[in-house]
Amino acid sequence: MPVEVTWWGHATCTVEDSDVRVLTDPLFARRLAHLRRRRGALPPPDARRADVVLVSHLHSDHLHVPSLARLAPGTRLLVPRGAPRAVPGLRRLTHLRLGEMAPGEETSVGDVRIRAVPALHDGRRLPVGPHRCPALGYVVEGAARTYFAGDTGLFEDMAEEVGPVDVALLPVGGWGPYLGEGHLDAGRAAEALARLAPRSAVPVHYGTYWPIGLDAVRPHEFHAPGDEFVRRAAQRAPEVAVHRLGHGESVRLEAAS
C-alpha cells in the first residue's frame, strides 16, 4: 500500500498511510505577526481533516493555536511534552484529544504507529526564558515509515535516532534571508538525506511565508531552496528520489518491499 504526501505550504503536510490521515504543524493563516503568505493559496477546508495532528515544537509558525482551533472535534493532537503549560491557549482547545510526547515515546492511531524523535532546535515558545519543552521530529510507521523532521539542524546521531525510513519530509529553508542555528538549509538537508538514506524525500518549510516589507531583499532566499535541494540531493544522495511539490500537490510513494 503506498503512502500519499500532500504539501500545503511551510511545514504543513498531510500523510495518508494505512487509512490514517496525519497532519503536521498546521498553519492556515494568511498572516502571522510580521509574516505573510506570499505563495500558494490557503489550504482548503479538507486540509483540516485528520485522524491525528503532530506539532513539532512551540514556535508560532508550527504551533498556531487559531489553526488548531479549526480542527474537527475529536481530532487527536500530539504536542511536545510540557506544551500545555508553556502555551495556555492549548488548554482551551477542549474539543481536541490532547496528548504529549517526548523523544523515544510511541503511540498508535489505527494501524499507524507514531514515534517522537529528537530535533536540534530551540523548543521555547519565545526566544527568551527557560527550555521546558523539547523540539521533536516524528516517524509515522504504517505501510511505510515517514519521517517528519519539523525544524532541526544536523546532529551527530540523526540516523540512529530516526532509524530506517522510506520517506523524509525535510525543511530546506525558512521565512527570512538568514537561517540561524538549529535549521537545515538546502545543503544541510542534502547531507541529512545522505545520512538517513530514505527511498524518497519531499522538501518543505520554504517558499510560503516571508516577512512583510522584505519582498525585495534577497528574494532568491525565498524562491530557491526547493530547486537547490533537488540539485544538492542529486550530488549527495543520488539514490533518493526527490519530489519537489507545489502548494497543494500530492505524491504517492511506495514503501520498501
C-alpha atoms as a PDB file:
ATOM      1  CA  MET A   1       0.000   0.000   0.000  1.00  0.00           C
ATOM      2  CA  PRO A   2       1.517   3.374  -0.974  1.00  0.00           C
ATOM      3  CA  VAL A   3       1.716   6.413   1.269  1.00  0.00           C
ATOM      4  CA  GLU A   4       0.416   9.722  -0.077  1.00  0.00           C
ATOM      5  CA  VAL A   5       2.035  13.018   0.918  1.00  0.00           C
ATOM      6  CA  THR A   6       0.430  16.416   0.282  1.00  0.00           C
ATOM      7  CA  TRP A   7       2.343  19.633   0.935  1.00  0.00           C
ATOM      8  CA  TRP A   8       0.107  22.566   1.887  1.00  0.00           C
ATOM      9  CA  GLY A   9       2.988  25.022   2.390  1.00  0.00           C
ATOM     10  CA  HIS A  10       5.539  25.800   5.105  1.00  0.00           C
ATOM     11  CA  ALA A  11       5.725  22.719   7.402  1.00  0.00           C
ATOM     12  CA  THR A  12       2.083  21.710   6.904  1.00  0.00           C
ATOM     13  CA  CYS A  13       1.705  18.305   5.241  1.00  0.00           C
ATOM     14  CA  THR A  14      -0.856  15.540   5.117  1.00  0.00           C
ATOM     15  CA  VAL A  15       0.465  11.988   5.215  1.00  0.00           C
ATOM     16  CA  GLU A  16      -2.073   9.281   4.395  1.00  0.00           C
ATOM     17  CA  ASP A  17      -0.963   5.782   5.330  1.00  0.00           C
ATOM     18  CA  SER A  18      -2.978   2.645   6.152  1.00  0.00           C
ATOM     19  CA  ASP A  19      -6.254   4.612   6.088  1.00  0.00           C
ATOM     20  CA  VAL A  20      -4.910   7.018   8.727  1.00  0.00           C
ATOM     21  CA  ARG A  21      -4.661  10.712   7.888  1.00  0.00           C
ATOM     22  CA  VAL A  22      -1.811  12.550   9.650  1.00  0.00           C
ATOM     23  CA  LEU A  23      -1.460  16.352   9.569  1.00  0.00           C
ATOM     24  CA  THR A  24       1.782  18.106  10.502  1.00  0.00           C
ATOM     25  CA  ASP A  25       2.264  21.576  12.030  1.00  0.00           C
ATOM     26  CA  PRO A  26      -0.986  23.059  10.648  1.00  0.00           C
ATOM     27  CA  LEU A  27      -0.760  26.728   9.673  1.00  0.00           C
ATOM     28  CA  PHE A  28      -3.848  28.051   7.899  1.00  0.00           C
ATOM     29  CA  ALA A  29      -3.216  31.804   8.205  1.00  0.00           C
ATOM     30  CA  ARG A  30      -2.622  34.426   5.525  1.00  0.00           C
ATOM     31  CA  ARG A  31      -0.608  36.447   8.003  1.00  0.00           C
ATOM     32  CA  LEU A  32       1.260  35.586  11.179  1.00  0.00           C
ATOM     33  CA  ALA A  33       2.785  38.523  13.067  1.00  0.00           C
ATOM     34  CA  HIS A  34       5.327  40.002  10.627  1.00  0.00           C
ATOM     35  CA  LEU A  35       4.962  37.161   8.116  1.00  0.00           C
ATOM     36  CA  ARG A  36       2.561  36.923   5.226  1.00  0.00           C
ATOM     37  CA  ARG A  37       1.803  34.095   2.857  1.00  0.00           C
ATOM     38  CA  ARG A  38       3.392  35.029  -0.452  1.00  0.00           C
ATOM     39  CA  ARG A  39       2.944  31.827  -2.412  1.00  0.00           C
ATOM     40  CA  GLY A  40       0.189  29.258  -2.618  1.00  0.00           C
ATOM     41  CA  ALA A  41      -3.480  29.606  -1.745  1.00  0.00           C
ATOM     42  CA  LEU A  42      -4.553  28.905   1.792  1.00  0.00           C
ATOM     43  CA  PRO A  43      -5.179  25.187   2.294  1.00  0.00           C
ATOM     44  CA  PRO A  44      -8.816  24.249   1.596  1.00  0.00           C
ATOM     45  CA  PRO A  45     -11.131  23.137   4.401  1.00  0.00           C
ATOM     46  CA  ASP A  46     -10.426  19.485   3.559  1.00  0.00           C
ATOM     47  CA  ALA A  47      -6.802  20.029   4.663  1.00  0.00           C
ATOM     48  CA  ARG A  48      -8.022  20.349   8.250  1.00  0.00           C
ATOM     49  CA  ARG A  49      -9.365  16.796   8.191  1.00  0.00           C
ATOM     50  CA  ALA A  50      -7.084  14.455  10.117  1.00  0.00           C
ATOM     51  CA  ASP A  51      -7.123  11.500  12.451  1.00  0.00           C
ATOM     52  CA  VAL A  52      -4.057  12.826  14.268  1.00  0.00           C
ATOM     53  CA  VAL A  53      -2.166  16.114  14.185  1.00  0.00           C
ATOM     54  CA  LEU A  54       1.548  16.324  15.000  1.00  0.00           C
ATOM     55  CA  VAL A  55       3.101  19.525  16.366  1.00  0.00           C
ATOM     56  CA  SER A  56       6.887  19.541  16.263  1.00  0.00           C
ATOM     57  CA  HIS A  57       7.692  22.482  18.541  1.00  0.00           C
ATOM     58  CA  LEU A  58       6.260  25.601  20.147  1.00  0.00           C
ATOM     59  CA  HIS A  59       7.216  28.360  17.688  1.00  0.00           C
ATOM     60  CA  SER A  60       4.046  30.038  16.500  1.00  0.00           C
ATOM     61  CA  ASP A  61       4.555  29.157  12.828  1.00  0.00           C
ATOM     62  CA  HIS A  62       4.428  25.484  13.875  1.00  0.00           C
ATOM     63  CA  LEU A  63       2.129  25.573  16.904  1.00  0.00           C
ATOM     64  CA  HIS A  64      -0.530  28.038  15.716  1.00  0.00           C
ATOM     65  CA  VAL A  65      -3.420  27.960  18.154  1.00  0.00           C
ATOM     66  CA  PRO A  66      -6.004  29.594  15.812  1.00  0.00           C
ATOM     67  CA  SER A  67      -5.274  26.958  13.165  1.00  0.00           C
ATOM     68  CA  LEU A  68      -5.560  24.158  15.716  1.00  0.00           C
ATOM     69  CA  ALA A  69      -8.867  25.621  16.881  1.00  0.00           C
ATOM     70  CA  ARG A  70     -10.286  24.970  13.391  1.00  0.00           C
ATOM     71  CA  LEU A  71      -9.705  21.220  13.579  1.00  0.00           C
ATOM     72  CA  ALA A  72     -12.737  18.972  13.866  1.00  0.00           C
ATOM     73  CA  PRO A  73     -13.936  17.930  17.322  1.00  0.00           C
ATOM     74  CA  GLY A  74     -12.350  14.713  18.490  1.00  0.00           C
ATOM     75  CA  THR A  75      -9.175  15.121  16.435  1.00  0.00           C
ATOM     76  CA  ARG A  76      -6.176  13.715  18.252  1.00  0.00           C
ATOM     77  CA  LEU A  77      -3.410  16.304  18.799  1.00  0.00           C
ATOM     78  CA  LEU A  78       0.144  15.351  19.790  1.00  0.00           C
ATOM     79  CA  VAL A  79       2.446  18.087  21.111  1.00  0.00           C
ATOM     80  CA  PRO A  80       5.858  18.203  22.834  1.00  0.00           C
ATOM     81  CA  ARG A  81       5.729  17.289  26.500  1.00  0.00           C
ATOM     82  CA  GLY A  82       5.069  20.391  28.611  1.00  0.00           C
ATOM     83  CA  ALA A  83       3.458  22.366  25.791  1.00  0.00           C
ATOM     84  CA  PRO A  84       0.074  22.924  27.524  1.00  0.00           C
ATOM     85  CA  ARG A  85       1.839  24.626  30.420  1.00  0.00           C
ATOM     86  CA  ALA A  86       4.003  26.756  28.111  1.00  0.00           C
ATOM     87  CA  VAL A  87       1.159  27.684  25.728  1.00  0.00           C
ATOM     88  CA  PRO A  88      -2.034  28.270  27.767  1.00  0.00           C
ATOM     89  CA  GLY A  89      -4.107  28.547  24.594  1.00  0.00           C
ATOM     90  CA  LEU A  90      -3.727  24.815  24.109  1.00  0.00           C
ATOM     91  CA  ARG A  91      -5.731  24.174  27.251  1.00  0.00           C
ATOM     92  CA  ARG A  92      -8.694  25.985  25.725  1.00  0.00           C
ATOM     93  CA  LEU A  93      -8.869  23.532  22.812  1.00  0.00           C
ATOM     94  CA  THR A  94     -11.198  21.243  24.710  1.00  0.00           C
ATOM     95  CA  HIS A  95     -12.711  19.870  21.500  1.00  0.00           C
ATOM     96  CA  LEU A  96      -9.398  18.106  20.717  1.00  0.00           C
ATOM     97  CA  ARG A  97      -7.885  14.983  22.288  1.00  0.00           C
ATOM     98  CA  LEU A  98      -4.575  16.350  23.504  1.00  0.00           C
ATOM     99  CA  GLY A  99      -1.537  14.162  24.152  1.00  0.00           C
ATOM    100  CA  GLU A 100       2.076  14.988  24.997  1.00  0.00           C
ATOM    101  CA  MET A 101       5.182  13.316  23.585  1.00  0.00           C
ATOM    102  CA  ALA A 102       8.880  13.216  24.389  1.00  0.00           C
ATOM    103  CA  PRO A 103      11.731  11.728  22.333  1.00  0.00           C
ATOM    104  CA  GLY A 104      11.544   7.958  22.246  1.00  0.00           C
ATOM    105  CA  GLU A 105       7.863   7.745  23.163  1.00  0.00           C
ATOM    106  CA  GLU A 106       5.381   5.999  20.881  1.00  0.00           C
ATOM    107  CA  THR A 107       1.647   5.909  20.381  1.00  0.00           C
ATOM    108  CA  SER A 108      -0.705   4.241  17.919  1.00  0.00           C
ATOM    109  CA  VAL A 109      -3.513   5.629  15.791  1.00  0.00           C
ATOM    110  CA  GLY A 110      -5.382   2.918  13.937  1.00  0.00           C
ATOM    111  CA  ASP A 111      -2.813   0.795  12.122  1.00  0.00           C
ATOM    112  CA  VAL A 112      -0.156   3.516  12.306  1.00  0.00           C
ATOM    113  CA  ARG A 113       2.499   3.858  14.984  1.00  0.00           C
ATOM    114  CA  ILE A 114       3.907   7.307  15.744  1.00  0.00           C
ATOM    115  CA  ARG A 115       7.288   7.717  17.407  1.00  0.00           C
ATOM    116  CA  ALA A 116       8.705  11.027  18.637  1.00  0.00           C
ATOM    117  CA  VAL A 117      12.385  11.574  17.829  1.00  0.00           C
ATOM    118  CA  PRO A 118      14.796  14.347  18.841  1.00  0.00           C
ATOM    119  CA  ALA A 119      15.306  17.544  16.880  1.00  0.00           C
ATOM    120  CA  LEU A 120      18.137  20.042  17.190  1.00  0.00           C
ATOM    121  CA  HIS A 121      16.098  23.230  17.531  1.00  0.00           C
ATOM    122  CA  ASP A 122      15.043  25.802  20.122  1.00  0.00           C
ATOM    123  CA  GLY A 123      11.897  24.374  21.677  1.00  0.00           C
ATOM    124  CA  ARG A 124      10.840  27.528  23.545  1.00  0.00           C
ATOM    125  CA  ARG A 125       7.670  29.420  22.650  1.00  0.00           C
ATOM    126  CA  LEU A 126       9.531  32.750  22.838  1.00  0.00           C
ATOM    127  CA  PRO A 127      13.246  33.468  22.260  1.00  0.00           C
ATOM    128  CA  VAL A 128      13.695  34.120  25.992  1.00  0.00           C
ATOM    129  CA  GLY A 129      13.071  32.069  29.101  1.00  0.00           C
ATOM    130  CA  PRO A 130      13.874  28.522  30.179  1.00  0.00           C
ATOM    131  CA  HIS A 131      13.912  25.496  27.896  1.00  0.00           C
ATOM    132  CA  ARG A 132      10.997  23.403  29.148  1.00  0.00           C
ATOM    133  CA  CYS A 133       9.740  21.606  26.061  1.00  0.00           C
ATOM    134  CA  PRO A 134      11.691  19.521  23.546  1.00  0.00           C
ATOM    135  CA  ALA A 135      11.579  20.171  19.836  1.00  0.00           C
ATOM    136  CA  LEU A 136      10.548  16.959  18.094  1.00  0.00           C
ATOM    137  CA  GLY A 137      10.501  15.148  14.831  1.00  0.00           C
ATOM    138  CA  TYR A 138       8.146  12.233  14.253  1.00  0.00           C
ATOM    139  CA  VAL A 139       8.334   8.901  12.465  1.00  0.00           C
ATOM    140  CA  VAL A 140       4.949   7.739  11.172  1.00  0.00           C
ATOM    141  CA  GLU A 141       5.018   3.992  10.560  1.00  0.00           C
ATOM    142  CA  GLY A 142       2.263   2.147   8.761  1.00  0.00           C
ATOM    143  CA  ALA A 143       2.731   0.602   5.339  1.00  0.00           C
ATOM    144  CA  ALA A 144       5.713   2.980   5.039  1.00  0.00           C
ATOM    145  CA  ARG A 145       7.942   4.784   7.528  1.00  0.00           C
ATOM    146  CA  THR A 146       7.712   8.555   7.042  1.00  0.00           C
ATOM    147  CA  TYR A 147       9.985  10.964   8.904  1.00  0.00           C
ATOM    148  CA  PHE A 148       8.647  14.468   9.516  1.00  0.00           C
ATOM    149  CA  ALA A 149      11.624  16.483  10.751  1.00  0.00           C
ATOM    150  CA  GLY A 150       9.779  19.589  11.979  1.00  0.00           C
ATOM    151  CA  ASP A 151      12.574  22.149  12.375  1.00  0.00           C
ATOM    152  CA  THR A 152      16.023  20.790  13.065  1.00  0.00           C
ATOM    153  CA  GLY A 153      19.678  21.208  12.427  1.00  0.00           C
ATOM    154  CA  LEU A 154      22.035  18.350  11.663  1.00  0.00           C
ATOM    155  CA  PHE A 155      23.057  16.346  14.697  1.00  0.00           C
ATOM    156  CA  GLU A 156      25.615  13.595  15.057  1.00  0.00           C
ATOM    157  CA  ASP A 157      23.308  10.644  15.739  1.00  0.00           C
ATOM    158  CA  MET A 158      20.414  11.725  13.496  1.00  0.00           C
ATOM    159  CA  ALA A 159      20.352   8.472  11.514  1.00  0.00           C
ATOM    160  CA  GLU A 160      20.431   6.359  14.678  1.00  0.00           C
ATOM    161  CA  GLU A 161      17.712   8.363  16.438  1.00  0.00           C
ATOM    162  CA  VAL A 162      15.394   8.439  13.420  1.00  0.00           C
ATOM    163  CA  GLY A 163      16.091   4.896  12.264  1.00  0.00           C
ATOM    164  CA  PRO A 164      15.370   3.427   8.827  1.00  0.00           C
ATOM    165  CA  VAL A 165      12.750   5.393   6.889  1.00  0.00           C
ATOM    166  CA  ASP A 166      11.158   5.200   3.454  1.00  0.00           C
ATOM    167  CA  VAL A 167      10.148   8.859   3.118  1.00  0.00           C
ATOM    168  CA  ALA A 168      11.735  12.007   4.595  1.00  0.00           C
ATOM    169  CA  LEU A 169       9.916  15.354   4.827  1.00  0.00           C
ATOM    170  CA  LEU A 170      12.824  17.746   5.360  1.00  0.00           C
ATOM    171  CA  PRO A 171      12.886  21.516   5.951  1.00  0.00           C
ATOM    172  CA  VAL A 172      15.146  23.191   3.380  1.00  0.00           C
ATOM    173  CA  GLY A 173      14.613  26.908   4.026  1.00  0.00           C
ATOM    174  CA  GLY A 174      12.859  29.358   6.280  1.00  0.00           C
ATOM    175  CA  TRP A 175      10.998  32.647   6.277  1.00  0.00           C
ATOM    176  CA  GLY A 176      13.861  35.120   6.313  1.00  0.00           C
ATOM    177  CA  PRO A 177      17.051  35.836   4.414  1.00  0.00           C
ATOM    178  CA  TYR A 178      19.191  34.124   7.046  1.00  0.00           C
ATOM    179  CA  LEU A 179      18.792  30.826   8.893  1.00  0.00           C
ATOM    180  CA  GLY A 180      20.124  30.594  12.422  1.00  0.00           C
ATOM    181  CA  GLU A 181      21.301  27.617  14.404  1.00  0.00           C
ATOM    182  CA  GLY A 182      19.041  24.606  14.534  1.00  0.00           C
ATOM    183  CA  HIS A 183      17.859  24.805  10.924  1.00  0.00           C
ATOM    184  CA  LEU A 184      18.501  22.921   7.716  1.00  0.00           C
ATOM    185  CA  ASP A 185      19.183  24.840   4.541  1.00  0.00           C
ATOM    186  CA  ALA A 186      19.288  23.082   1.173  1.00  0.00           C
ATOM    187  CA  GLY A 187      22.874  21.931   1.612  1.00  0.00           C
ATOM    188  CA  ARG A 188      22.483  20.659   5.166  1.00  0.00           C
ATOM    189  CA  ALA A 189      19.198  18.985   4.224  1.00  0.00           C
ATOM    190  CA  ALA A 190      21.000  17.145   1.420  1.00  0.00           C
ATOM    191  CA  GLU A 191      23.581  15.980   3.969  1.00  0.00           C
ATOM    192  CA  ALA A 192      20.745  14.805   6.238  1.00  0.00           C
ATOM    193  CA  LEU A 193      19.334  12.911   3.268  1.00  0.00           C
ATOM    194  CA  ALA A 194      22.662  11.171   2.718  1.00  0.00           C
ATOM    195  CA  ARG A 195      22.731  10.103   6.362  1.00  0.00           C
ATOM    196  CA  LEU A 196      19.107   8.937   6.509  1.00  0.00           C
ATOM    197  CA  ALA A 197      19.101   7.214   3.083  1.00  0.00           C
ATOM    198  CA  PRO A 198      15.326   7.013   2.539  1.00  0.00           C
ATOM    199  CA  ARG A 199      13.804   5.909  -0.746  1.00  0.00           C
ATOM    200  CA  SER A 200      12.061   9.267  -1.276  1.00  0.00           C
ATOM    201  CA  ALA A 201      12.136  12.819   0.035  1.00  0.00           C
ATOM    202  CA  VAL A 202       9.910  15.901  -0.101  1.00  0.00           C
ATOM    203  CA  PRO A 203      11.350  19.362   0.688  1.00  0.00           C
ATOM    204  CA  VAL A 204       9.177  21.522   2.959  1.00  0.00           C
ATOM    205  CA  HIS A 205       9.440  24.695   5.064  1.00  0.00           C
ATOM    206  CA  TYR A 206      10.319  27.150   2.290  1.00  0.00           C
ATOM    207  CA  GLY A 207       8.717  29.386  -0.288  1.00  0.00           C
ATOM    208  CA  THR A 208       5.494  30.125   1.610  1.00  0.00           C
ATOM    209  CA  TYR A 209       5.838  32.885   4.238  1.00  0.00           C
ATOM    210  CA  TRP A 210       8.100  35.915   4.055  1.00  0.00           C
ATOM    211  CA  PRO A 211       8.496  38.987   6.281  1.00  0.00           C
ATOM    212  CA  ILE A 212       6.333  41.956   5.341  1.00  0.00           C
ATOM    213  CA  GLY A 213       8.385  44.675   3.682  1.00  0.00           C
ATOM    214  CA  LEU A 214      11.272  42.388   2.738  1.00  0.00           C
ATOM    215  CA  ASP A 215       9.937  41.288  -0.645  1.00  0.00           C
ATOM    216  CA  ALA A 216      12.894  42.850  -2.453  1.00  0.00           C
ATOM    217  CA  VAL A 217      15.573  41.672  -0.014  1.00  0.00           C
ATOM    218  CA  ARG A 218      17.450  38.661  -1.392  1.00  0.00           C
ATOM    219  CA  PRO A 219      14.298  37.183  -2.997  1.00  0.00           C
ATOM    220  CA  HIS A 220      16.242  34.117  -4.130  1.00  0.00           C
ATOM    221  CA  GLU A 221      16.375  33.051  -0.481  1.00  0.00           C
ATOM    222  CA  PHE A 222      12.591  32.681  -0.652  1.00  0.00           C
ATOM    223  CA  HIS A 223      12.256  31.077  -4.077  1.00  0.00           C
ATOM    224  CA  ALA A 224      15.377  28.951  -4.499  1.00  0.00           C
ATOM    225  CA  PRO A 225      15.658  26.405  -1.647  1.00  0.00           C
ATOM    226  CA  GLY A 226      13.450  23.738  -3.237  1.00  0.00           C
ATOM    227  CA  ASP A 227      15.369  23.637  -6.516  1.00  0.00           C
ATOM    228  CA  GLU A 228      18.674  23.974  -4.677  1.00  0.00           C
ATOM    229  CA  PHE A 229      17.786  20.982  -2.509  1.00  0.00           C
ATOM    230  CA  VAL A 230      16.956  18.919  -5.603  1.00  0.00           C
ATOM    231  CA  ARG A 231      20.350  19.814  -7.103  1.00  0.00           C
ATOM    232  CA  ARG A 232      22.335  19.121  -3.956  1.00  0.00           C
ATOM    233  CA  ALA A 233      20.455  15.929  -3.150  1.00  0.00           C
ATOM    234  CA  ALA A 234      21.362  14.594  -6.599  1.00  0.00           C
ATOM    235  CA  GLN A 235      25.011  15.111  -5.657  1.00  0.00           C
ATOM    236  CA  ARG A 236      24.970  13.866  -2.055  1.00  0.00           C
ATOM    237  CA  ALA A 237      22.254  11.189  -2.208  1.00  0.00           C
ATOM    238  CA  PRO A 238      21.660  10.275  -5.878  1.00  0.00           C
ATOM    239  CA  GLU A 239      19.794   7.084  -4.943  1.00  0.00           C
ATOM    240  CA  VAL A 240      16.990   9.075  -3.258  1.00  0.00           C
ATOM    241  CA  ALA A 241      14.003  10.151  -5.366  1.00  0.00           C
ATOM    242  CA  VAL A 242      13.268  13.801  -4.519  1.00  0.00           C
ATOM    243  CA  HIS A 243       9.778  15.151  -5.189  1.00  0.00           C
ATOM    244  CA  ARG A 244       9.537  18.939  -5.161  1.00  0.00           C
ATOM    245  CA  LEU A 245       5.835  19.626  -4.775  1.00  0.00           C
ATOM    246  CA  GLY A 246       3.881  22.779  -5.416  1.00  0.00           C
ATOM    247  CA  HIS A 247       1.480  24.047  -2.790  1.00  0.00           C
ATOM    248  CA  GLY A 248      -1.450  21.659  -2.545  1.00  0.00           C
ATOM    249  CA  GLU A 249       0.225  18.993  -4.691  1.00  0.00           C
ATOM    250  CA  SER A 250       0.444  15.333  -3.698  1.00  0.00           C
ATOM    251  CA  VAL A 251       2.684  12.387  -4.472  1.00  0.00           C
ATOM    252  CA  ARG A 252       2.078   8.675  -3.916  1.00  0.00           C
ATOM    253  CA  LEU A 253       5.165   6.847  -2.737  1.00  0.00           C
ATOM    254  CA  GLU A 254       5.840   3.140  -2.391  1.00  0.00           C
ATOM    255  CA  ALA A 255       7.403   1.671   0.710  1.00  0.00           C
ATOM    256  CA  ALA A 256      10.330  -0.677   0.515  1.00  0.00           C
ATOM    257  CA  SER A 257       9.182  -4.224  -0.226  1.00  0.00           C
END
